[in-house]
Amino acid sequence: MAQSPVSFVITMAWLSNSISDSSSKRAVAIAFVNSFSCLGDIGGSYLWIASWGPSYSKSYVICILAAVITTTMLWVYRSHLVRLNKAARIPL
């Protein structure tokens, strides 16, 4: 979980460079991602319930599922960008 701030910075840089429409649309997308990243900080404190300890296996499963869902969503977004790039190519 210590790598999440690093992945957040990389995701923000990728997002700001991949949205090429207007600057207002880019700002809304960055604000959307930023607000959802804060939800993890809020909900994270409720995942480590003392009655689930000392192994906290349920807490770890929730964290792993969140990482898998995030990775899947980023892969889908990357696939979408690849399709858009292929469609934008001009045949020679």
PDB file of N, CA and C in Angstrom:
ATOM      1  N   MET A   1       0.824  -1.202   0.000  1.00  0.00           N
ATOM      2  CA  MET A   1       0.000   0.000   0.000  1.00  0.00           C
ATOM      3  C   MET A   1       0.863   1.259   0.000  1.00  0.00           C
ATOM      4  N   ALA A   2       2.143   1.099   0.251  1.00  0.00           N
ATOM      5  CA  ALA A   2       3.017   2.271   0.254  1.00  0.00           C
ATOM      6  C   ALA A   2       3.248   2.802  -1.151  1.00  0.00           C
ATOM      7  N   GLN A   3       2.925   2.022  -2.160  1.00  0.00           N
ATOM      8  CA  GLN A   3       3.130   2.452  -3.540  1.00  0.00           C
ATOM      9  C   GLN A   3       1.957   3.248  -4.093  1.00  0.00           C
ATOM     10  N   SER A   4       0.871   3.360  -3.373  1.00  0.00           N
ATOM     11  CA  SER A   4      -0.300   4.058  -3.900  1.00  0.00           C
ATOM     12  C   SER A   4      -0.049   5.542  -4.187  1.00  0.00           C
ATOM     13  N   PRO A   5       0.726   6.283  -3.390  1.00  0.00           N
ATOM     14  CA  PRO A   5       1.002   7.678  -3.784  1.00  0.00           C
ATOM     15  C   PRO A   5       1.785   7.775  -5.087  1.00  0.00           C
ATOM     16  N   VAL A   6       2.676   6.820  -5.324  1.00  0.00           N
ATOM     17  CA  VAL A   6       3.444   6.829  -6.569  1.00  0.00           C
ATOM     18  C   VAL A   6       2.530   6.567  -7.756  1.00  0.00           C
ATOM     19  N   SER A   7       1.660   5.591  -7.622  1.00  0.00           N
ATOM     20  CA  SER A   7       0.743   5.282  -8.726  1.00  0.00           C
ATOM     21  C   SER A   7      -0.232   6.431  -8.956  1.00  0.00           C
ATOM     22  N   PHE A   8      -0.587   7.149  -7.916  1.00  0.00           N
ATOM     23  CA  PHE A   8      -1.480   8.295  -8.073  1.00  0.00           C
ATOM     24  C   PHE A   8      -0.835   9.374  -8.933  1.00  0.00           C
ATOM     25  N   VAL A   9       0.437   9.654  -8.687  1.00  0.00           N
ATOM     26  CA  VAL A   9       1.149  10.679  -9.460  1.00  0.00           C
ATOM     27  C   VAL A   9       1.269  10.260 -10.921  1.00  0.00           C
ATOM     28  N   ILE A  10       1.581   8.993 -11.162  1.00  0.00           N
ATOM     29  CA  ILE A  10       1.700   8.502 -12.535  1.00  0.00           C
ATOM     30  C   ILE A  10       0.350   8.546 -13.240  1.00  0.00           C
ATOM     31  N   THR A  11      -0.706   8.169 -12.555  1.00  0.00           N
ATOM     32  CA  THR A  11      -2.039   8.197 -13.150  1.00  0.00           C
ATOM     33  C   THR A  11      -2.463   9.620 -13.477  1.00  0.00           C
ATOM     34  N   MET A  12      -2.156  10.562 -12.610  1.00  0.00           N
ATOM     35  CA  MET A  12      -2.513  11.956 -12.884  1.00  0.00           C
ATOM     36  C   MET A  12      -1.754  12.498 -14.088  1.00  0.00           C
ATOM     37  N   ALA A  13      -0.476  12.153 -14.198  1.00  0.00           N
ATOM     38  CA  ALA A  13       0.304  12.599 -15.353  1.00  0.00           C
ATOM     39  C   ALA A  13      -0.228  11.976 -16.638  1.00  0.00           C
ATOM     40  N   TRP A  14      -0.576  10.701 -16.588  1.00  0.00           N
ATOM     41  CA  TRP A  14      -1.117  10.008 -17.757  1.00  0.00           C
ATOM     42  C   TRP A  14      -2.457  10.612 -18.155  1.00  0.00           C
ATOM     43  N   LEU A  15      -3.283  10.890 -17.174  1.00  0.00           N
ATOM     44  CA  LEU A  15      -4.598  11.452 -17.449  1.00  0.00           C
ATOM     45  C   LEU A  15      -4.497  12.844 -18.051  1.00  0.00           C
ATOM     46  N   SER A  16      -3.651  13.674 -17.497  1.00  0.00           N
ATOM     47  CA  SER A  16      -3.552  15.043 -18.007  1.00  0.00           C
ATOM     48  C   SER A  16      -2.969  15.086 -19.412  1.00  0.00           C
ATOM     49  N   ASN A  17      -2.181  14.096 -19.785  1.00  0.00           N
ATOM     50  CA  ASN A  17      -1.626  14.057 -21.135  1.00  0.00           C
ATOM     51  C   ASN A  17      -2.515  13.333 -22.134  1.00  0.00           C
ATOM     52  N   SER A  18      -3.441  12.517 -21.685  1.00  0.00           N
ATOM     53  CA  SER A  18      -4.254  11.742 -22.610  1.00  0.00           C
ATOM     54  C   SER A  18      -5.578  12.420 -22.967  1.00  0.00           C
ATOM     55  N   ILE A  19      -5.979  13.425 -22.227  1.00  0.00           N
ATOM     56  CA  ILE A  19      -7.204  14.163 -22.558  1.00  0.00           C
ATOM     57  C   ILE A  19      -6.786  15.411 -23.320  1.00  0.00           C
ATOM     58  N   SER A  20      -7.072  15.398 -24.620  1.00  0.00           N
ATOM     59  CA  SER A  20      -6.582  16.489 -25.461  1.00  0.00           C
ATOM     60  C   SER A  20      -7.673  17.472 -25.861  1.00  0.00           C
ATOM     61  N   ASP A  21      -8.830  17.354 -25.282  1.00  0.00           N
ATOM     62  CA  ASP A  21      -9.911  18.277 -25.632  1.00  0.00           C
ATOM     63  C   ASP A  21      -9.642  19.643 -25.012  1.00  0.00           C
ATOM     64  N   SER A  22     -10.633  20.250 -24.467  1.00  0.00           N
ATOM     65  CA  SER A  22     -10.469  21.581 -23.885  1.00  0.00           C
ATOM     66  C   SER A  22      -9.817  21.491 -22.507  1.00  0.00           C
ATOM     67  N   SER A  23      -9.291  22.604 -22.066  1.00  0.00           N
ATOM     68  CA  SER A  23      -8.657  22.624 -20.746  1.00  0.00           C
ATOM     69  C   SER A  23      -9.683  22.459 -19.628  1.00  0.00           C
ATOM     70  N   SER A  24     -10.908  22.889 -19.864  1.00  0.00           N
ATOM     71  CA  SER A  24     -11.936  22.704 -18.831  1.00  0.00           C
ATOM     72  C   SER A  24     -12.305  21.227 -18.692  1.00  0.00           C
ATOM     73  N   LYS A  25     -12.331  20.477 -19.795  1.00  0.00           N
ATOM     74  CA  LYS A  25     -12.620  19.048 -19.721  1.00  0.00           C
ATOM     75  C   LYS A  25     -11.483  18.310 -19.012  1.00  0.00           C
ATOM     76  N   ARG A  26     -10.253  18.724 -19.266  1.00  0.00           N
ATOM     77  CA  ARG A  26      -9.101  18.128 -18.595  1.00  0.00           C
ATOM     78  C   ARG A  26      -9.160  18.420 -17.098  1.00  0.00           C
ATOM     79  N   ALA A  27      -9.540  19.637 -16.731  1.00  0.00           N
ATOM     80  CA  ALA A  27      -9.625  20.006 -15.310  1.00  0.00           C
ATOM     81  C   ALA A  27     -10.695  19.199 -14.591  1.00  0.00           C
ATOM     82  N   VAL A  28     -11.817  18.964 -15.260  1.00  0.00           N
ATOM     83  CA  VAL A  28     -12.886  18.171 -14.649  1.00  0.00           C
ATOM     84  C   VAL A  28     -12.435  16.723 -14.465  1.00  0.00           C
ATOM     85  N   ALA A  29     -11.741  16.178 -15.454  1.00  0.00           N
ATOM     86  CA  ALA A  29     -11.253  14.797 -15.339  1.00  0.00           C
ATOM     87  C   ALA A  29     -10.246  14.662 -14.210  1.00  0.00           C
ATOM     88  N   ILE A  30      -9.350  15.621 -14.078  1.00  0.00           N
ATOM     89  CA  ILE A  30      -8.361  15.578 -13.000  1.00  0.00           C
ATOM     90  C   ILE A  30      -9.044  15.714 -11.647  1.00  0.00           C
ATOM     91  N   ALA A  31     -10.037  16.583 -11.546  1.00  0.00           N
ATOM     92  CA  ALA A  31     -10.778  16.736 -10.285  1.00  0.00           C
ATOM     93  C   ALA A  31     -11.555  15.467  -9.946  1.00  0.00           C
ATOM     94  N   PHE A  32     -12.101  14.809 -10.958  1.00  0.00           N
ATOM     95  CA  PHE A  32     -12.842  13.565 -10.759  1.00  0.00           C
ATOM     96  C   PHE A  32     -11.925  12.476 -10.208  1.00  0.00           C
ATOM     97  N   VAL A  33     -10.761  12.303 -10.804  1.00  0.00           N
ATOM     98  CA  VAL A  33      -9.811  11.296 -10.342  1.00  0.00           C
ATOM     99  C   VAL A  33      -9.280  11.657  -8.955  1.00  0.00           C
ATOM    100  N   ASN A  34      -9.019  12.918  -8.728  1.00  0.00           N
ATOM    101  CA  ASN A  34      -8.518  13.359  -7.430  1.00  0.00           C
ATOM    102  C   ASN A  34      -9.538  13.113  -6.323  1.00  0.00           C
ATOM    103  N   SER A  35     -10.804  13.372  -6.599  1.00  0.00           N
ATOM    104  CA  SER A  35     -11.830  13.156  -5.568  1.00  0.00           C
ATOM    105  C   SER A  35     -12.008  11.675  -5.268  1.00  0.00           C
ATOM    106  N   PHE A  36     -11.943  10.816  -6.288  1.00  0.00           N
ATOM    107  CA  PHE A  36     -12.076   9.386  -6.036  1.00  0.00           C
ATOM    108  C   PHE A  36     -10.850   8.811  -5.337  1.00  0.00           C
ATOM    109  N   SER A  37      -9.692   9.397  -5.546  1.00  0.00           N
ATOM    110  CA  SER A  37      -8.507   8.906  -4.840  1.00  0.00           C
ATOM    111  C   SER A  37      -8.588   9.218  -3.351  1.00  0.00           C
ATOM    112  N   CYS A  38      -9.268  10.283  -2.991  1.00  0.00           N
ATOM    113  CA  CYS A  38      -9.432  10.630  -1.578  1.00  0.00           C
ATOM    114  C   CYS A  38     -10.398   9.689  -0.870  1.00  0.00           C
ATOM    115  N   LEU A  39     -11.286   9.057  -1.620  1.00  0.00           N
ATOM    116  CA  LEU A  39     -12.220   8.115  -1.003  1.00  0.00           C
ATOM    117  C   LEU A  39     -11.494   6.931  -0.381  1.00  0.00           C
ATOM    118  N   GLY A  40     -10.379   6.535  -0.991  1.00  0.00           N
ATOM    119  CA  GLY A  40      -9.592   5.449  -0.411  1.00  0.00           C
ATOM    120  C   GLY A  40      -9.010   5.810   0.932  1.00  0.00           C
ATOM    121  N   ASP A  41      -8.598   7.050   1.089  1.00  0.00           N
ATOM    122  CA  ASP A  41      -8.066   7.494   2.380  1.00  0.00           C
ATOM    123  C   ASP A  41      -9.154   7.542   3.446  1.00  0.00           C
ATOM    124  N   ILE A  42     -10.341   7.912   3.042  1.00  0.00           N
ATOM    125  CA  ILE A  42     -11.455   7.975   4.005  1.00  0.00           C
ATOM    126  C   ILE A  42     -11.900   6.573   4.404  1.00  0.00           C
ATOM    127  N   GLY A  43     -12.104   5.714   3.402  1.00  0.00           N
ATOM    128  CA  GLY A  43     -12.590   4.366   3.692  1.00  0.00           C
ATOM    129  C   GLY A  43     -11.542   3.451   4.278  1.00  0.00           C
ATOM    130  N   GLY A  44     -10.268   3.747   4.025  1.00  0.00           N
ATOM    131  CA  GLY A  44      -9.197   2.880   4.506  1.00  0.00           C
ATOM    132  C   GLY A  44      -9.143   2.747   6.013  1.00  0.00           C
ATOM    133  N   SER A  45      -9.511   3.788   6.704  1.00  0.00           N
ATOM    134  CA  SER A  45      -9.455   3.720   8.170  1.00  0.00           C
ATOM    135  C   SER A  45     -10.537   2.812   8.746  1.00  0.00           C
ATOM    136  N   TYR A  46     -11.566   2.514   7.978  1.00  0.00           N
ATOM    137  CA  TYR A  46     -12.631   1.631   8.449  1.00  0.00           C
ATOM    138  C   TYR A  46     -12.419   0.179   8.025  1.00  0.00           C
ATOM    139  N   LEU A  47     -11.343  -0.109   7.298  1.00  0.00           N
ATOM    140  CA  LEU A  47     -11.094  -1.470   6.836  1.00  0.00           C
ATOM    141  C   LEU A  47     -10.301  -2.313   7.821  1.00  0.00           C
ATOM    142  N   TRP A  48      -9.688  -1.683   8.768  1.00  0.00           N
ATOM    143  CA  TRP A  48      -8.829  -2.411   9.693  1.00  0.00           C
ATOM    144  C   TRP A  48      -9.506  -2.506  11.057  1.00  0.00           C
ATOM    145  N   ILE A  49     -10.609  -3.218  11.095  1.00  0.00           N
ATOM    146  CA  ILE A  49     -11.419  -3.371  12.305  1.00  0.00           C
ATOM    147  C   ILE A  49     -10.688  -4.312  13.274  1.00  0.00           C
ATOM    148  N   ALA A  50     -10.699  -3.970  14.547  1.00  0.00           N
ATOM    149  CA  ALA A  50      -9.965  -4.743  15.549  1.00  0.00           C
ATOM    150  C   ALA A  50     -10.488  -6.177  15.664  1.00  0.00           C
ATOM    151  N   SER A  51     -11.777  -6.381  15.430  1.00  0.00           N
ATOM    152  CA  SER A  51     -12.316  -7.742  15.528  1.00  0.00           C
ATOM    153  C   SER A  51     -11.852  -8.638  14.384  1.00  0.00           C
ATOM    154  N   TRP A  52     -11.319  -8.051  13.299  1.00  0.00           N
ATOM    155  CA  TRP A  52     -10.792  -8.839  12.177  1.00  0.00           C
ATOM    156  C   TRP A  52      -9.342  -9.247  12.412  1.00  0.00           C
ATOM    157  N   GLY A  53      -8.719  -8.701  13.430  1.00  0.00           N
ATOM    158  CA  GLY A  53      -7.304  -8.972  13.695  1.00  0.00           C
ATOM    159  C   GLY A  53      -7.106 -10.303  14.363  1.00  0.00           C
ATOM    160  N   PRO A  54      -5.913 -10.734  14.578  1.00  0.00           N
ATOM    161  CA  PRO A  54      -4.648 -10.091  14.246  1.00  0.00           C
ATOM    162  C   PRO A  54      -4.197 -10.332  12.803  1.00  0.00           C
ATOM    163  N   SER A  55      -4.857 -11.215  12.062  1.00  0.00           N
ATOM    164  CA  SER A  55      -4.390 -11.490  10.699  1.00  0.00           C
ATOM    165  C   SER A  55      -4.904 -10.457   9.697  1.00  0.00           C
ATOM    166  N   TYR A  56      -6.060  -9.885   9.945  1.00  0.00           N
ATOM    167  CA  TYR A  56      -6.681  -8.888   9.073  1.00  0.00           C
ATOM    168  C   TYR A  56      -6.803  -9.389   7.631  1.00  0.00           C
ATOM    169  N   SER A  57      -7.134 -10.660   7.483  1.00  0.00           N
ATOM    170  CA  SER A  57      -7.223 -11.231   6.136  1.00  0.00           C
ATOM    171  C   SER A  57      -8.348 -10.588   5.324  1.00  0.00           C
ATOM    172  N   LYS A  58      -9.455 -10.252   5.952  1.00  0.00           N
ATOM    173  CA  LYS A  58     -10.549  -9.582   5.229  1.00  0.00           C
ATOM    174  C   LYS A  58     -10.103  -8.203   4.741  1.00  0.00           C
ATOM    175  N   SER A  59      -9.348  -7.510   5.563  1.00  0.00           N
ATOM    176  CA  SER A  59      -8.853  -6.186   5.180  1.00  0.00           C
ATOM    177  C   SER A  59      -7.917  -6.280   3.986  1.00  0.00           C
ATOM    178  N   TYR A  60      -7.050  -7.274   3.994  1.00  0.00           N
ATOM    179  CA  TYR A  60      -6.122  -7.451   2.877  1.00  0.00           C
ATOM    180  C   TYR A  60      -6.856  -7.852   1.605  1.00  0.00           C
ATOM    181  N   VAL A  61      -7.886  -8.667   1.728  1.00  0.00           N
ATOM    182  CA  VAL A  61      -8.673  -9.065   0.547  1.00  0.00           C
ATOM    183  C   VAL A  61      -9.352  -7.844  -0.061  1.00  0.00           C
ATOM    184  N   ILE A  62      -9.877  -6.970   0.763  1.00  0.00           N
ATOM    185  CA  ILE A  62     -10.509  -5.750   0.258  1.00  0.00           C
ATOM    186  C   ILE A  62      -9.491  -4.872  -0.455  1.00  0.00           C
ATOM    187  N   CYS A  63      -8.306  -4.734   0.111  1.00  0.00           N
ATOM    188  CA  CYS A  63      -7.259  -3.919  -0.522  1.00  0.00           C
ATOM    189  C   CYS A  63      -6.800  -4.531  -1.839  1.00  0.00           C
ATOM    190  N   ILE A  64      -6.666  -5.855  -1.874  1.00  0.00           N
ATOM    191  CA  ILE A  64      -6.261  -6.515  -3.116  1.00  0.00           C
ATOM    192  C   ILE A  64      -7.345  -6.376  -4.178  1.00  0.00           C
ATOM    193  N   LEU A  65      -8.598  -6.521  -3.804  1.00  0.00           N
ATOM    194  CA  LEU A  65      -9.692  -6.341  -4.754  1.00  0.00           C
ATOM    195  C   LEU A  65      -9.723  -4.918  -5.305  1.00  0.00           C
ATOM    196  N   ALA A  66      -9.479  -3.940  -4.448  1.00  0.00           N
ATOM    197  CA  ALA A  66      -9.447  -2.550  -4.915  1.00  0.00           C
ATOM    198  C   ALA A  66      -8.315  -2.342  -5.907  1.00  0.00           C
ATOM    199  N   ALA A  67      -7.159  -2.947  -5.654  1.00  0.00           N
ATOM    200  CA  ALA A  67      -6.034  -2.826  -6.583  1.00  0.00           C
ATOM    201  C   ALA A  67      -6.334  -3.515  -7.912  1.00  0.00           C
ATOM    202  N   VAL A  68      -6.988  -4.673  -7.868  1.00  0.00           N
ATOM    203  CA  VAL A  68      -7.342  -5.391  -9.097  1.00  0.00           C
ATOM    204  C   VAL A  68      -8.372  -4.611  -9.906  1.00  0.00           C
ATOM    205  N   ILE A  69      -9.357  -4.057  -9.241  1.00  0.00           N
ATOM    206  CA  ILE A  69     -10.377  -3.260  -9.943  1.00  0.00           C
ATOM    207  C   ILE A  69      -9.748  -2.031 -10.581  1.00  0.00           C
ATOM    208  N   THR A  70      -8.854  -1.367  -9.857  1.00  0.00           N
ATOM    209  CA  THR A  70      -8.181  -0.191 -10.395  1.00  0.00           C
ATOM    210  C   THR A  70      -7.318  -0.549 -11.601  1.00  0.00           C
ATOM    211  N   THR A  71      -6.579  -1.636 -11.501  1.00  0.00           N
ATOM    212  CA  THR A  71      -5.744  -2.072 -12.615  1.00  0.00           C
ATOM    213  C   THR A  71      -6.592  -2.427 -13.832  1.00  0.00           C
ATOM    214  N   THR A  72      -7.712  -3.076 -13.611  1.00  0.00           N
ATOM    215  CA  THR A  72      -8.614  -3.423 -14.714  1.00  0.00           C
ATOM    216  C   THR A  72      -9.186  -2.179 -15.372  1.00  0.00           C
ATOM    217  N   MET A  73      -9.575  -1.204 -14.571  1.00  0.00           N
ATOM    218  CA  MET A  73     -10.119   0.036 -15.132  1.00  0.00           C
ATOM    219  C   MET A  73      -9.072   0.783 -15.947  1.00  0.00           C
ATOM    220  N   LEU A  74      -7.831   0.804 -15.464  1.00  0.00           N
ATOM    221  CA  LEU A  74      -6.771   1.463 -16.220  1.00  0.00           C
ATOM    222  C   LEU A  74      -6.451   0.713 -17.510  1.00  0.00           C
ATOM    223  N   TRP A  75      -6.523  -0.611 -17.488  1.00  0.00           N
ATOM    224  CA  TRP A  75      -6.302  -1.389 -18.706  1.00  0.00           C
ATOM    225  C   TRP A  75      -7.398  -1.121 -19.736  1.00  0.00           C
ATOM    226  N   VAL A  76      -8.648  -1.022 -19.273  1.00  0.00           N
ATOM    227  CA  VAL A  76      -9.757  -0.705 -20.183  1.00  0.00           C
ATOM    228  C   VAL A  76      -9.565   0.691 -20.780  1.00  0.00           C
ATOM    229  N   TYR A  77      -9.139   1.642 -19.980  1.00  0.00           N
ATOM    230  CA  TYR A  77      -8.895   2.997 -20.483  1.00  0.00           C
ATOM    231  C   TYR A  77      -7.755   3.006 -21.494  1.00  0.00           C
ATOM    232  N   ARG A  78      -6.712   2.240 -21.225  1.00  0.00           N
ATOM    233  CA  ARG A  78      -5.595   2.150 -22.164  1.00  0.00           C
ATOM    234  C   ARG A  78      -6.059   1.526 -23.477  1.00  0.00           C
ATOM    235  N   SER A  79      -6.875   0.483 -23.402  1.00  0.00           N
ATOM    236  CA  SER A  79      -7.400  -0.149 -24.615  1.00  0.00           C
ATOM    237  C   SER A  79      -8.249   0.823 -25.423  1.00  0.00           C
ATOM    238  N   HIS A  80      -9.003   1.638 -24.733  1.00  0.00           N
ATOM    239  CA  HIS A  80      -9.809   2.657 -25.402  1.00  0.00           C
ATOM    240  C   HIS A  80      -8.913   3.668 -26.124  1.00  0.00           C
ATOM    241  N   LEU A  81      -7.844   4.089 -25.474  1.00  0.00           N
ATOM    242  CA  LEU A  81      -6.911   5.025 -26.103  1.00  0.00           C
ATOM    243  C   LEU A  81      -6.220   4.400 -27.308  1.00  0.00           C
ATOM    244  N   VAL A  82      -5.882   3.120 -27.237  1.00  0.00           N
ATOM    245  CA  VAL A  82      -5.261   2.436 -28.372  1.00  0.00           C
ATOM    246  C   VAL A  82      -6.225   2.412 -29.556  1.00  0.00           C
ATOM    247  N   ARG A  83      -7.504   2.102 -29.292  1.00  0.00           N
ATOM    248  CA  ARG A  83      -8.510   2.108 -30.370  1.00  0.00           C
ATOM    249  C   ARG A  83      -8.673   3.491 -30.971  1.00  0.00           C
ATOM    250  N   LEU A  84      -8.670   4.524 -30.152  1.00  0.00           N
ATOM    251  CA  LEU A  84      -8.791   5.881 -30.679  1.00  0.00           C
ATOM    252  C   LEU A  84      -7.586   6.255 -31.529  1.00  0.00           C
ATOM    253  N   ASN A  85      -6.395   5.837 -31.108  1.00  0.00           N
ATOM    254  CA  ASN A  85      -5.195   6.125 -31.894  1.00  0.00           C
ATOM    255  C   ASN A  85      -5.209   5.407 -33.236  1.00  0.00           C
ATOM    256  N   LYS A  86      -5.685   4.155 -33.260  1.00  0.00           N
ATOM    257  CA  LYS A  86      -5.780   3.428 -34.512  1.00  0.00           C
ATOM    258  C   LYS A  86      -6.794   4.074 -35.457  1.00  0.00           C
ATOM    259  N   ALA A  87      -7.893   4.568 -34.897  1.00  0.00           N
ATOM    260  CA  ALA A  87      -8.924   5.206 -35.718  1.00  0.00           C
ATOM    261  C   ALA A  87      -8.455   6.557 -36.241  1.00  0.00           C
ATOM    262  N   ALA A  88      -7.559   7.226 -35.547  1.00  0.00           N
ATOM    263  CA  ALA A  88      -7.108   8.549 -35.944  1.00  0.00           C
ATOM    264  C   ALA A  88      -5.976   8.510 -36.971  1.00  0.00           C
ATOM    265  N   ARG A  89      -5.396   7.357 -37.188  1.00  0.00           N
ATOM    266  CA  ARG A  89      -4.294   7.258 -38.163  1.00  0.00           C
ATOM    267  C   ARG A  89      -4.800   7.518 -39.568  1.00  0.00           C
ATOM    268  N   ILE A  90      -4.015   8.275 -40.291  1.00  0.00           N
ATOM    269  CA  ILE A  90      -4.356   8.589 -41.671  1.00  0.00           C
ATOM    270  C   ILE A  90      -3.608   7.606 -42.572  1.00  0.00           C
ATOM    271  N   PRO A  91      -4.318   6.875 -43.424  1.00  0.00           N
ATOM    272  CA  PRO A  91      -3.616   5.936 -44.309  1.00  0.00           C
ATOM    273  C   PRO A  91      -2.749   6.674 -45.318  1.00  0.00           C
ATOM    274  N   LEU A  92      -1.587   6.118 -45.596  1.00  0.00           N
ATOM    275  CA  LEU A  92      -0.644   6.733 -46.538  1.00  0.00           C
ATOM    276  C   LEU A  92      -0.937   6.337 -47.954  1.00  0.00           C
TER     277      LEU A  92
END
